Amino acid sequence: MLVFILKRMISLLLTLVAASVVIFFVIEVVPGDPASFMMGFEASEEAIEALREQLGLNAPLWERYISWISGLLQGDFGTSYTYKVPISDLIGDRIWISLPLAFYALALSMLIAFPVGVIAAAKRNSAADVSIMGATQLGIAIPNFWFAMILVLFFAIQNHWFSAGGFPGWDDGFWVGMKGLTLPAISLALPQASILARVMRSSLLDTLDEDYVRTARAKGLSRRQALWRHALRNAMIPVLTIIGLQFSFLMAGSVIIEKVFFLPGIGSLVFLGITQRDLIVVKSVVMLLVFAVILVTFLVDIAYAFVDPRLRKGR
């Protein structure tokens, strides 16, 4: 198991290095000059050049990359061009909205998808199975931002059960904060639950057709006992993969939902950094999100090894 973990850690580090190079150089070649944007259209060339020198934008690309990556390794994300404050402070203020939102949405997705997928697999080709598959297809097809607006219209505007947008803050209490994230979490969870339920059903059906499940049935186990004791655990490998990918998406891809609900999260910070040409913010936040995605993938690999011992034995 230790060798398995070490191999995955080496792969994680190499992936991070490659990702940092790609992120830095892709963002640097995007058209537009941050100094010109900050100074405005009427600024003189001398003033823009002085600002570029102050921000270190005139240094060679490789030198700026080394400076940026060295700062990241020391926990220094740099200073925002626009806000004039350390980027770590901006991230620290916003991560406590995006991270709980991602966990909340993922938890809702699993709470819906697991029982729904198991029921659909256990009742294959029945009316319940057809209904569930139709509902999940609808859940995948509905855009989450449109569903978010429907939730706001019904639960916030018409019935006043939830706020239409904004975040009250954690200082008002844990449950008040969770209530403020409920509608965004439901909006994000619907398509993810639909995808996860279909994957769970498909994986379980493949496992239920295996020889060892038929052997368990021949020994006297009922279909339900064979499903819960033997099939479910072996069906979890593809499901864990989807869960890891979904958490990564919920962390990095919730920009639209954050805009719909006016949530000051990480996605909104990246959006503002792009529109304001605050490239150092964009690079640092995207690198942080990439690290989160790679870390989740690493943890999923470790979970594979616990679910299926053959993986950690190298077979």
C-alpha atoms as a PDB file:
ATOM      1  CA  MET A   1       0.000   0.000   0.000  1.00  0.00           C
ATOM      2  CA  LEU A   2       2.878   2.391   0.797  1.00  0.00           C
ATOM      3  CA  VAL A   3       4.461   1.802  -2.608  1.00  0.00           C
ATOM      4  CA  PHE A   4       1.098   2.396  -4.247  1.00  0.00           C
ATOM      5  CA  ILE A   5       0.703   5.735  -2.426  1.00  0.00           C
ATOM      6  CA  LEU A   6       4.269   6.839  -3.243  1.00  0.00           C
ATOM      7  CA  LYS A   7       3.728   6.153  -6.944  1.00  0.00           C
ATOM      8  CA  ARG A   8       0.535   8.190  -6.914  1.00  0.00           C
ATOM      9  CA  MET A   9       2.276  11.062  -5.069  1.00  0.00           C
ATOM     10  CA  ILE A  10       5.054  11.204  -7.662  1.00  0.00           C
ATOM     11  CA  SER A  11       2.425  11.287 -10.398  1.00  0.00           C
ATOM     12  CA  LEU A  12       0.623  14.086  -8.527  1.00  0.00           C
ATOM     13  CA  LEU A  13       3.786  16.214  -8.274  1.00  0.00           C
ATOM     14  CA  LEU A  14       4.664  15.771 -11.948  1.00  0.00           C
ATOM     15  CA  THR A  15       1.128  16.692 -12.948  1.00  0.00           C
ATOM     16  CA  LEU A  16       1.282  19.840 -10.800  1.00  0.00           C
ATOM     17  CA  VAL A  17       4.528  20.943 -12.442  1.00  0.00           C
ATOM     18  CA  ALA A  18       3.117  20.404 -15.932  1.00  0.00           C
ATOM     19  CA  ALA A  19      -0.112  22.187 -14.999  1.00  0.00           C
ATOM     20  CA  SER A  20       1.737  25.206 -13.601  1.00  0.00           C
ATOM     21  CA  VAL A  21       3.691  25.615 -16.847  1.00  0.00           C
ATOM     22  CA  VAL A  22       0.556  25.360 -18.986  1.00  0.00           C
ATOM     23  CA  ILE A  23      -1.478  27.734 -16.799  1.00  0.00           C
ATOM     24  CA  PHE A  24       1.242  30.391 -16.680  1.00  0.00           C
ATOM     25  CA  PHE A  25       2.062  30.502 -20.370  1.00  0.00           C
ATOM     26  CA  VAL A  26      -1.526  30.163 -21.601  1.00  0.00           C
ATOM     27  CA  ILE A  27      -2.660  33.101 -19.458  1.00  0.00           C
ATOM     28  CA  GLU A  28       0.383  35.168 -20.417  1.00  0.00           C
ATOM     29  CA  VAL A  29      -0.341  34.897 -24.157  1.00  0.00           C
ATOM     30  CA  VAL A  30      -3.961  36.066 -23.742  1.00  0.00           C
ATOM     31  CA  PRO A  31      -4.350  39.426 -25.559  1.00  0.00           C
ATOM     32  CA  GLY A  32      -4.554  42.548 -23.412  1.00  0.00           C
ATOM     33  CA  ASP A  33      -2.200  44.426 -21.137  1.00  0.00           C
ATOM     34  CA  PRO A  34      -3.058  44.619 -17.408  1.00  0.00           C
ATOM     35  CA  ALA A  35      -1.164  47.900 -17.040  1.00  0.00           C
ATOM     36  CA  SER A  36      -3.074  49.552 -19.898  1.00  0.00           C
ATOM     37  CA  PHE A  37      -6.378  48.313 -18.454  1.00  0.00           C
ATOM     38  CA  MET A  38      -5.568  49.649 -14.992  1.00  0.00           C
ATOM     39  CA  MET A  39      -4.374  53.069 -16.203  1.00  0.00           C
ATOM     40  CA  GLY A  40      -7.270  53.649 -18.603  1.00  0.00           C
ATOM     41  CA  PHE A  41      -7.455  54.824 -22.194  1.00  0.00           C
ATOM     42  CA  GLU A  42      -6.165  58.333 -21.524  1.00  0.00           C
ATOM     43  CA  ALA A  43      -2.947  57.290 -19.755  1.00  0.00           C
ATOM     44  CA  SER A  44       0.368  58.169 -21.355  1.00  0.00           C
ATOM     45  CA  GLU A  45       2.795  55.549 -22.593  1.00  0.00           C
ATOM     46  CA  GLU A  46       5.313  56.639 -19.962  1.00  0.00           C
ATOM     47  CA  ALA A  47       2.816  56.061 -17.131  1.00  0.00           C
ATOM     48  CA  ILE A  48       1.823  52.654 -18.510  1.00  0.00           C
ATOM     49  CA  GLU A  49       5.464  51.660 -18.893  1.00  0.00           C
ATOM     50  CA  ALA A  50       6.224  52.778 -15.329  1.00  0.00           C
ATOM     51  CA  LEU A  51       3.341  50.671 -14.024  1.00  0.00           C
ATOM     52  CA  ARG A  52       4.519  47.662 -16.041  1.00  0.00           C
ATOM     53  CA  GLU A  53       7.950  48.046 -14.481  1.00  0.00           C
ATOM     54  CA  GLN A  54       6.429  48.345 -11.005  1.00  0.00           C
ATOM     55  CA  LEU A  55       4.327  45.194 -11.504  1.00  0.00           C
ATOM     56  CA  GLY A  56       7.274  43.266 -12.938  1.00  0.00           C
ATOM     57  CA  LEU A  57       5.567  42.733 -16.288  1.00  0.00           C
ATOM     58  CA  ASN A  58       8.694  43.720 -18.251  1.00  0.00           C
ATOM     59  CA  ALA A  59      10.747  40.813 -16.921  1.00  0.00           C
ATOM     60  CA  PRO A  60      11.294  37.768 -19.188  1.00  0.00           C
ATOM     61  CA  LEU A  61       8.596  35.099 -19.075  1.00  0.00           C
ATOM     62  CA  TRP A  62      10.821  32.428 -17.564  1.00  0.00           C
ATOM     63  CA  GLU A  63      11.910  34.822 -14.811  1.00  0.00           C
ATOM     64  CA  ARG A  64       8.318  35.725 -14.003  1.00  0.00           C
ATOM     65  CA  TYR A  65       7.386  32.039 -13.961  1.00  0.00           C
ATOM     66  CA  ILE A  66      10.172  31.192 -11.513  1.00  0.00           C
ATOM     67  CA  SER A  67       9.173  34.119  -9.298  1.00  0.00           C
ATOM     68  CA  TRP A  68       5.511  33.089  -9.376  1.00  0.00           C
ATOM     69  CA  ILE A  69       6.082  29.390  -8.694  1.00  0.00           C
ATOM     70  CA  SER A  70       8.602  30.160  -5.926  1.00  0.00           C
ATOM     71  CA  GLY A  71       6.015  32.325  -4.217  1.00  0.00           C
ATOM     72  CA  LEU A  72       3.399  29.565  -4.483  1.00  0.00           C
ATOM     73  CA  LEU A  73       5.756  27.058  -2.887  1.00  0.00           C
ATOM     74  CA  GLN A  74       6.165  29.463   0.051  1.00  0.00           C
ATOM     75  CA  GLY A  75       2.434  30.095   0.336  1.00  0.00           C
ATOM     76  CA  ASP A  76       2.686  33.555  -1.246  1.00  0.00           C
ATOM     77  CA  PHE A  77       0.132  33.925  -4.051  1.00  0.00           C
ATOM     78  CA  GLY A  78       1.204  37.481  -4.814  1.00  0.00           C
ATOM     79  CA  THR A  79      -0.686  40.768  -4.632  1.00  0.00           C
ATOM     80  CA  SER A  80      -3.755  41.575  -6.681  1.00  0.00           C
ATOM     81  CA  TYR A  81      -3.247  44.274  -9.310  1.00  0.00           C
ATOM     82  CA  THR A  82      -6.811  45.518  -8.815  1.00  0.00           C
ATOM     83  CA  TYR A  83      -7.505  45.165  -5.095  1.00  0.00           C
ATOM     84  CA  LYS A  84      -3.942  45.869  -3.902  1.00  0.00           C
ATOM     85  CA  VAL A  85      -4.243  43.170  -1.233  1.00  0.00           C
ATOM     86  CA  PRO A  86      -2.608  39.739  -0.932  1.00  0.00           C
ATOM     87  CA  ILE A  87      -4.373  37.161  -3.086  1.00  0.00           C
ATOM     88  CA  SER A  88      -4.295  34.710  -0.184  1.00  0.00           C
ATOM     89  CA  ASP A  89      -6.643  37.075   1.696  1.00  0.00           C
ATOM     90  CA  LEU A  90      -9.051  37.182  -1.252  1.00  0.00           C
ATOM     91  CA  ILE A  91      -8.999  33.386  -1.522  1.00  0.00           C
ATOM     92  CA  GLY A  92      -9.367  32.955   2.232  1.00  0.00           C
ATOM     93  CA  ASP A  93     -12.487  35.126   2.291  1.00  0.00           C
ATOM     94  CA  ARG A  94     -14.117  33.271  -0.603  1.00  0.00           C
ATOM     95  CA  ILE A  95     -13.033  29.650  -0.159  1.00  0.00           C
ATOM     96  CA  TRP A  96     -15.340  29.312   2.851  1.00  0.00           C
ATOM     97  CA  ILE A  97     -18.272  29.827   0.509  1.00  0.00           C
ATOM     98  CA  SER A  98     -17.200  27.744  -2.486  1.00  0.00           C
ATOM     99  CA  LEU A  99     -15.871  24.783  -0.477  1.00  0.00           C
ATOM    100  CA  PRO A 100     -18.971  24.257   1.725  1.00  0.00           C
ATOM    101  CA  LEU A 101     -21.141  24.766  -1.360  1.00  0.00           C
ATOM    102  CA  ALA A 102     -19.253  22.024  -3.232  1.00  0.00           C
ATOM    103  CA  PHE A 103     -19.503  19.585  -0.288  1.00  0.00           C
ATOM    104  CA  TYR A 104     -23.174  20.428   0.237  1.00  0.00           C
ATOM    105  CA  ALA A 105     -24.036  19.882  -3.442  1.00  0.00           C
ATOM    106  CA  LEU A 106     -22.013  16.650  -3.590  1.00  0.00           C
ATOM    107  CA  ALA A 107     -23.696  15.314  -0.443  1.00  0.00           C
ATOM    108  CA  LEU A 108     -27.133  16.054  -1.902  1.00  0.00           C
ATOM    109  CA  SER A 109     -26.109  14.421  -5.172  1.00  0.00           C
ATOM    110  CA  MET A 110     -25.011  11.205  -3.441  1.00  0.00           C
ATOM    111  CA  LEU A 111     -28.058  11.114  -1.149  1.00  0.00           C
ATOM    112  CA  ILE A 112     -30.280  11.214  -4.218  1.00  0.00           C
ATOM    113  CA  ALA A 113     -28.225   9.120  -6.641  1.00  0.00           C
ATOM    114  CA  PHE A 114     -27.239   6.131  -4.505  1.00  0.00           C
ATOM    115  CA  PRO A 115     -30.722   4.859  -3.537  1.00  0.00           C
ATOM    116  CA  VAL A 116     -32.169   5.833  -6.924  1.00  0.00           C
ATOM    117  CA  GLY A 117     -29.424   3.992  -8.833  1.00  0.00           C
ATOM    118  CA  VAL A 118     -29.695   0.892  -6.626  1.00  0.00           C
ATOM    119  CA  ILE A 119     -33.491   0.771  -7.013  1.00  0.00           C
ATOM    120  CA  ALA A 120     -33.214   1.145 -10.790  1.00  0.00           C
ATOM    121  CA  ALA A 121     -30.668  -1.691 -10.982  1.00  0.00           C
ATOM    122  CA  ALA A 122     -32.621  -3.961  -8.635  1.00  0.00           C
ATOM    123  CA  LYS A 123     -35.815  -3.444 -10.665  1.00  0.00           C
ATOM    124  CA  ARG A 124     -34.271  -3.601 -14.114  1.00  0.00           C
ATOM    125  CA  ASN A 125     -36.705  -3.017 -17.018  1.00  0.00           C
ATOM    126  CA  SER A 126     -39.601  -2.416 -14.644  1.00  0.00           C
ATOM    127  CA  ALA A 127     -41.824   0.663 -14.621  1.00  0.00           C
ATOM    128  CA  ALA A 128     -39.770   2.071 -11.739  1.00  0.00           C
ATOM    129  CA  ASP A 129     -36.543   1.626 -13.709  1.00  0.00           C
ATOM    130  CA  VAL A 130     -37.968   3.297 -16.820  1.00  0.00           C
ATOM    131  CA  SER A 131     -39.369   6.179 -14.758  1.00  0.00           C
ATOM    132  CA  ILE A 132     -36.075   6.725 -12.940  1.00  0.00           C
ATOM    133  CA  MET A 133     -34.061   6.683 -16.163  1.00  0.00           C
ATOM    134  CA  GLY A 134     -36.478   9.142 -17.744  1.00  0.00           C
ATOM    135  CA  ALA A 135     -36.227  11.450 -14.741  1.00  0.00           C
ATOM    136  CA  THR A 136     -32.424  11.316 -14.753  1.00  0.00           C
ATOM    137  CA  GLN A 137     -32.351  12.084 -18.475  1.00  0.00           C
ATOM    138  CA  LEU A 138     -34.495  15.134 -17.779  1.00  0.00           C
ATOM    139  CA  GLY A 139     -32.198  16.142 -14.923  1.00  0.00           C
ATOM    140  CA  ILE A 140     -29.176  16.006 -17.214  1.00  0.00           C
ATOM    141  CA  ALA A 141     -30.939  17.982 -19.953  1.00  0.00           C
ATOM    142  CA  ILE A 142     -32.125  20.876 -17.751  1.00  0.00           C
ATOM    143  CA  PRO A 143     -29.489  23.666 -17.503  1.00  0.00           C
ATOM    144  CA  ASN A 144     -28.611  24.232 -13.858  1.00  0.00           C
ATOM    145  CA  PHE A 145     -28.796  28.044 -14.174  1.00  0.00           C
ATOM    146  CA  TRP A 146     -32.387  27.764 -15.504  1.00  0.00           C
ATOM    147  CA  PHE A 147     -33.285  25.383 -12.693  1.00  0.00           C
ATOM    148  CA  ALA A 148     -31.677  27.850 -10.254  1.00  0.00           C
ATOM    149  CA  MET A 149     -33.935  30.651 -11.495  1.00  0.00           C
ATOM    150  CA  ILE A 150     -37.003  28.404 -11.109  1.00  0.00           C
ATOM    151  CA  LEU A 151     -35.981  27.658  -7.519  1.00  0.00           C
ATOM    152  CA  VAL A 152     -35.540  31.371  -6.806  1.00  0.00           C
ATOM    153  CA  LEU A 153     -38.938  32.151  -8.345  1.00  0.00           C
ATOM    154  CA  PHE A 154     -40.785  29.508  -6.309  1.00  0.00           C
ATOM    155  CA  PHE A 155     -38.924  29.310  -2.980  1.00  0.00           C
ATOM    156  CA  ALA A 156     -37.666  32.905  -2.646  1.00  0.00           C
ATOM    157  CA  ILE A 157     -39.999  35.241  -4.525  1.00  0.00           C
ATOM    158  CA  GLN A 158     -43.350  33.493  -4.179  1.00  0.00           C
ATOM    159  CA  ASN A 159     -43.037  31.726  -0.810  1.00  0.00           C
ATOM    160  CA  HIS A 160     -40.159  33.651   0.871  1.00  0.00           C
ATOM    161  CA  TRP A 161     -38.708  30.476   2.369  1.00  0.00           C
ATOM    162  CA  PHE A 162     -35.165  31.300   1.226  1.00  0.00           C
ATOM    163  CA  SER A 163     -33.326  34.441   0.187  1.00  0.00           C
ATOM    164  CA  ALA A 164     -33.103  35.165  -3.526  1.00  0.00           C
ATOM    165  CA  GLY A 165     -29.362  35.745  -3.439  1.00  0.00           C
ATOM    166  CA  GLY A 166     -26.335  36.790  -1.432  1.00  0.00           C
ATOM    167  CA  PHE A 167     -24.712  35.035   1.495  1.00  0.00           C
ATOM    168  CA  PRO A 168     -25.468  35.983   5.126  1.00  0.00           C
ATOM    169  CA  GLY A 169     -22.063  34.867   6.404  1.00  0.00           C
ATOM    170  CA  TRP A 170     -21.034  32.249   8.917  1.00  0.00           C
ATOM    171  CA  ASP A 171     -21.004  34.772  11.757  1.00  0.00           C
ATOM    172  CA  ASP A 172     -24.799  34.546  11.903  1.00  0.00           C
ATOM    173  CA  GLY A 173     -24.613  30.824  12.644  1.00  0.00           C
ATOM    174  CA  PHE A 174     -23.924  27.554  10.858  1.00  0.00           C
ATOM    175  CA  TRP A 175     -27.538  26.785   9.954  1.00  0.00           C
ATOM    176  CA  VAL A 176     -28.146  30.311   8.684  1.00  0.00           C
ATOM    177  CA  GLY A 177     -25.153  29.941   6.377  1.00  0.00           C
ATOM    178  CA  MET A 178     -26.264  26.497   5.206  1.00  0.00           C
ATOM    179  CA  LYS A 179     -29.748  27.839   4.505  1.00  0.00           C
ATOM    180  CA  GLY A 180     -28.170  30.522   2.316  1.00  0.00           C
ATOM    181  CA  LEU A 181     -26.354  27.809   0.331  1.00  0.00           C
ATOM    182  CA  THR A 182     -29.326  25.445   0.019  1.00  0.00           C
ATOM    183  CA  LEU A 183     -30.819  26.714  -3.257  1.00  0.00           C
ATOM    184  CA  PRO A 184     -27.404  26.975  -4.982  1.00  0.00           C
ATOM    185  CA  ALA A 185     -26.502  23.477  -3.754  1.00  0.00           C
ATOM    186  CA  ILE A 186     -29.766  22.010  -5.077  1.00  0.00           C
ATOM    187  CA  SER A 187     -29.195  23.737  -8.420  1.00  0.00           C
ATOM    188  CA  LEU A 188     -25.736  22.185  -8.692  1.00  0.00           C
ATOM    189  CA  ALA A 189     -26.770  18.778  -7.336  1.00  0.00           C
ATOM    190  CA  LEU A 190     -29.609  18.022  -9.776  1.00  0.00           C
ATOM    191  CA  PRO A 191     -27.565  17.249 -12.927  1.00  0.00           C
ATOM    192  CA  GLN A 192     -24.780  15.628 -10.895  1.00  0.00           C
ATOM    193  CA  ALA A 193     -27.255  13.329  -9.130  1.00  0.00           C
ATOM    194  CA  SER A 194     -28.755  12.355 -12.487  1.00  0.00           C
ATOM    195  CA  ILE A 195     -25.345  11.441 -13.909  1.00  0.00           C
ATOM    196  CA  LEU A 196     -24.284   9.574 -10.772  1.00  0.00           C
ATOM    197  CA  ALA A 197     -27.539   7.591 -10.608  1.00  0.00           C
ATOM    198  CA  ARG A 198     -27.131   6.413 -14.200  1.00  0.00           C
ATOM    199  CA  VAL A 199     -23.520   5.399 -13.579  1.00  0.00           C
ATOM    200  CA  MET A 200     -24.523   3.561 -10.385  1.00  0.00           C
ATOM    201  CA  ARG A 201     -27.259   1.656 -12.216  1.00  0.00           C
ATOM    202  CA  SER A 202     -25.021   0.733 -15.147  1.00  0.00           C
ATOM    203  CA  SER A 203     -22.168  -0.396 -12.904  1.00  0.00           C
ATOM    204  CA  LEU A 204     -24.454  -2.468 -10.700  1.00  0.00           C
ATOM    205  CA  LEU A 205     -26.066  -4.168 -13.696  1.00  0.00           C
ATOM    206  CA  ASP A 206     -22.626  -5.128 -15.032  1.00  0.00           C
ATOM    207  CA  THR A 207     -21.643  -6.507 -11.619  1.00  0.00           C
ATOM    208  CA  LEU A 208     -24.883  -8.429 -11.138  1.00  0.00           C
ATOM    209  CA  ASP A 209     -24.131 -10.382 -14.324  1.00  0.00           C
ATOM    210  CA  GLU A 210     -20.749 -11.584 -13.003  1.00  0.00           C
ATOM    211  CA  ASP A 211     -20.143 -15.266 -12.202  1.00  0.00           C
ATOM    212  CA  TYR A 212     -19.505 -14.728  -8.479  1.00  0.00           C
ATOM    213  CA  VAL A 213     -22.911 -13.070  -8.076  1.00  0.00           C
ATOM    214  CA  ARG A 214     -24.607 -15.995  -9.813  1.00  0.00           C
ATOM    215  CA  THR A 215     -22.645 -18.334  -7.541  1.00  0.00           C
ATOM    216  CA  ALA A 216     -23.865 -16.422  -4.483  1.00  0.00           C
ATOM    217  CA  ARG A 217     -27.435 -16.713  -5.747  1.00  0.00           C
ATOM    218  CA  ALA A 218     -26.955 -20.450  -6.341  1.00  0.00           C
ATOM    219  CA  LYS A 219     -25.831 -20.842  -2.728  1.00  0.00           C
ATOM    220  CA  GLY A 220     -29.160 -19.503  -1.543  1.00  0.00           C
ATOM    221  CA  LEU A 221     -28.737 -15.747  -1.246  1.00  0.00           C
ATOM    222  CA  SER A 222     -31.648 -13.637  -2.380  1.00  0.00           C
ATOM    223  CA  ARG A 223     -31.169 -11.062  -5.143  1.00  0.00           C
ATOM    224  CA  ARG A 224     -31.183  -8.277  -2.567  1.00  0.00           C
ATOM    225  CA  GLN A 225     -28.583 -10.030  -0.375  1.00  0.00           C
ATOM    226  CA  ALA A 226     -26.325 -10.683  -3.371  1.00  0.00           C
ATOM    227  CA  LEU A 227     -26.635  -7.066  -4.416  1.00  0.00           C
ATOM    228  CA  TRP A 228     -25.782  -5.569  -1.021  1.00  0.00           C
ATOM    229  CA  ARG A 229     -23.135  -8.110   0.079  1.00  0.00           C
ATOM    230  CA  HIS A 230     -21.263  -8.730  -3.174  1.00  0.00           C
ATOM    231  CA  ALA A 231     -22.269  -6.527  -6.103  1.00  0.00           C
ATOM    232  CA  LEU A 232     -22.388  -3.072  -4.527  1.00  0.00           C
ATOM    233  CA  ARG A 233     -18.787  -2.872  -3.346  1.00  0.00           C
ATOM    234  CA  ASN A 234     -17.387  -4.068  -6.667  1.00  0.00           C
ATOM    235  CA  ALA A 235     -19.593  -1.607  -8.527  1.00  0.00           C
ATOM    236  CA  MET A 236     -18.118   1.360  -6.642  1.00  0.00           C
ATOM    237  CA  ILE A 237     -14.956   1.811  -8.769  1.00  0.00           C
ATOM    238  CA  PRO A 238     -16.593   3.781 -11.624  1.00  0.00           C
ATOM    239  CA  VAL A 239     -18.882   5.503  -9.122  1.00  0.00           C
ATOM    240  CA  LEU A 240     -15.897   6.793  -7.130  1.00  0.00           C
ATOM    241  CA  THR A 241     -14.398   8.114 -10.352  1.00  0.00           C
ATOM    242  CA  ILE A 242     -17.545  10.102 -11.114  1.00  0.00           C
ATOM    243  CA  ILE A 243     -17.743  11.414  -7.533  1.00  0.00           C
ATOM    244  CA  GLY A 244     -14.169  12.688  -7.759  1.00  0.00           C
ATOM    245  CA  LEU A 245     -14.846  14.375 -11.089  1.00  0.00           C
ATOM    246  CA  GLN A 246     -18.067  15.898  -9.793  1.00  0.00           C
ATOM    247  CA  PHE A 247     -16.396  17.406  -6.736  1.00  0.00           C
ATOM    248  CA  SER A 248     -13.734  18.923  -8.970  1.00  0.00           C
ATOM    249  CA  PHE A 249     -16.431  20.371 -11.230  1.00  0.00           C
ATOM    250  CA  LEU A 250     -18.382  21.740  -8.263  1.00  0.00           C
ATOM    251  CA  MET A 251     -15.268  23.484  -6.949  1.00  0.00           C
ATOM    252  CA  ALA A 252     -14.106  24.938 -10.247  1.00  0.00           C
ATOM    253  CA  GLY A 253     -17.210  25.116 -12.410  1.00  0.00           C
ATOM    254  CA  SER A 254     -19.846  26.825 -10.282  1.00  0.00           C
ATOM    255  CA  VAL A 255     -19.195  30.307 -11.705  1.00  0.00           C
ATOM    256  CA  ILE A 256     -22.639  30.634 -13.305  1.00  0.00           C
ATOM    257  CA  ILE A 257     -24.503  29.527 -10.171  1.00  0.00           C
ATOM    258  CA  GLU A 258     -22.453  31.919  -8.053  1.00  0.00           C
ATOM    259  CA  LYS A 259     -23.412  34.728 -10.421  1.00  0.00           C
ATOM    260  CA  VAL A 260     -27.109  33.764 -10.340  1.00  0.00           C
ATOM    261  CA  PHE A 261     -27.187  33.793  -6.526  1.00  0.00           C
ATOM    262  CA  PHE A 262     -24.667  36.647  -6.081  1.00  0.00           C
ATOM    263  CA  LEU A 263     -22.343  34.462  -4.047  1.00  0.00           C
ATOM    264  CA  PRO A 264     -18.847  35.919  -3.484  1.00  0.00           C
ATOM    265  CA  GLY A 265     -17.050  32.629  -4.061  1.00  0.00           C
ATOM    266  CA  ILE A 266     -13.944  31.452  -5.877  1.00  0.00           C
ATOM    267  CA  GLY A 267     -15.739  31.283  -9.220  1.00  0.00           C
ATOM    268  CA  SER A 268     -16.786  34.923  -8.958  1.00  0.00           C
ATOM    269  CA  LEU A 269     -13.219  35.878  -8.047  1.00  0.00           C
ATOM    270  CA  VAL A 270     -11.866  34.223 -11.202  1.00  0.00           C
ATOM    271  CA  PHE A 271     -14.567  35.893 -13.305  1.00  0.00           C
ATOM    272  CA  LEU A 272     -13.702  39.333 -11.913  1.00  0.00           C
ATOM    273  CA  GLY A 273      -9.983  38.655 -12.404  1.00  0.00           C
ATOM    274  CA  ILE A 274     -10.571  37.868 -16.073  1.00  0.00           C
ATOM    275  CA  THR A 275     -12.769  40.899 -16.730  1.00  0.00           C
ATOM    276  CA  GLN A 276     -10.342  43.232 -14.918  1.00  0.00           C
ATOM    277  CA  ARG A 277      -7.209  41.686 -16.469  1.00  0.00           C
ATOM    278  CA  ASP A 278      -5.929  40.845 -12.992  1.00  0.00           C
ATOM    279  CA  LEU A 279      -3.780  38.029 -14.356  1.00  0.00           C
ATOM    280  CA  ILE A 280      -1.936  37.250 -11.141  1.00  0.00           C
ATOM    281  CA  VAL A 281      -5.292  36.522  -9.445  1.00  0.00           C
ATOM    282  CA  VAL A 282      -6.430  34.320 -12.339  1.00  0.00           C
ATOM    283  CA  LYS A 283      -3.170  32.345 -12.413  1.00  0.00           C
ATOM    284  CA  SER A 284      -3.033  31.787  -8.676  1.00  0.00           C
ATOM    285  CA  VAL A 285      -6.693  30.831  -8.245  1.00  0.00           C
ATOM    286  CA  VAL A 286      -6.675  28.506 -11.270  1.00  0.00           C
ATOM    287  CA  MET A 287      -3.508  26.852  -9.959  1.00  0.00           C
ATOM    288  CA  LEU A 288      -5.194  26.375  -6.588  1.00  0.00           C
ATOM    289  CA  LEU A 289      -8.213  24.800  -8.274  1.00  0.00           C
ATOM    290  CA  VAL A 290      -5.972  22.522 -10.332  1.00  0.00           C
ATOM    291  CA  PHE A 291      -4.243  21.433  -7.134  1.00  0.00           C
ATOM    292  CA  ALA A 292      -7.653  20.676  -5.588  1.00  0.00           C
ATOM    293  CA  VAL A 293      -8.661  18.622  -8.640  1.00  0.00           C
ATOM    294  CA  ILE A 294      -5.403  16.644  -8.633  1.00  0.00           C
ATOM    295  CA  LEU A 295      -5.625  16.096  -4.868  1.00  0.00           C
ATOM    296  CA  VAL A 296      -9.168  14.767  -5.196  1.00  0.00           C
ATOM    297  CA  THR A 297      -8.011  12.449  -7.984  1.00  0.00           C
ATOM    298  CA  PHE A 298      -5.203  11.219  -5.715  1.00  0.00           C
ATOM    299  CA  LEU A 299      -7.665  10.542  -2.885  1.00  0.00           C
ATOM    300  CA  VAL A 300      -9.954   8.684  -5.300  1.00  0.00           C
ATOM    301  CA  ASP A 301      -7.011   6.492  -6.346  1.00  0.00           C
ATOM    302  CA  ILE A 302      -6.370   5.678  -2.689  1.00  0.00           C
ATOM    303  CA  ALA A 303     -10.060   4.877  -2.258  1.00  0.00           C
ATOM    304  CA  TYR A 304      -9.793   2.492  -5.230  1.00  0.00           C
ATOM    305  CA  ALA A 305      -7.092   0.568  -3.396  1.00  0.00           C
ATOM    306  CA  PHE A 306      -9.288   0.154  -0.321  1.00  0.00           C
ATOM    307  CA  VAL A 307     -12.312  -0.903  -2.351  1.00  0.00           C
ATOM    308  CA  ASP A 308     -10.368  -3.305  -4.602  1.00  0.00           C
ATOM    309  CA  PRO A 309      -7.272  -4.851  -2.906  1.00  0.00           C
ATOM    310  CA  ARG A 310      -6.004  -6.120  -6.280  1.00  0.00           C
ATOM    311  CA  LEU A 311      -4.995  -2.569  -7.228  1.00  0.00           C
ATOM    312  CA  ARG A 312      -2.606  -2.076  -4.324  1.00  0.00           C
ATOM    313  CA  LYS A 313      -1.062  -5.500  -4.993  1.00  0.00           C
ATOM    314  CA  GLY A 314      -0.252  -4.474  -8.543  1.00  0.00           C
ATOM    315  CA  ARG A 315      -2.405  -7.157 -10.193  1.00  0.00           C
END
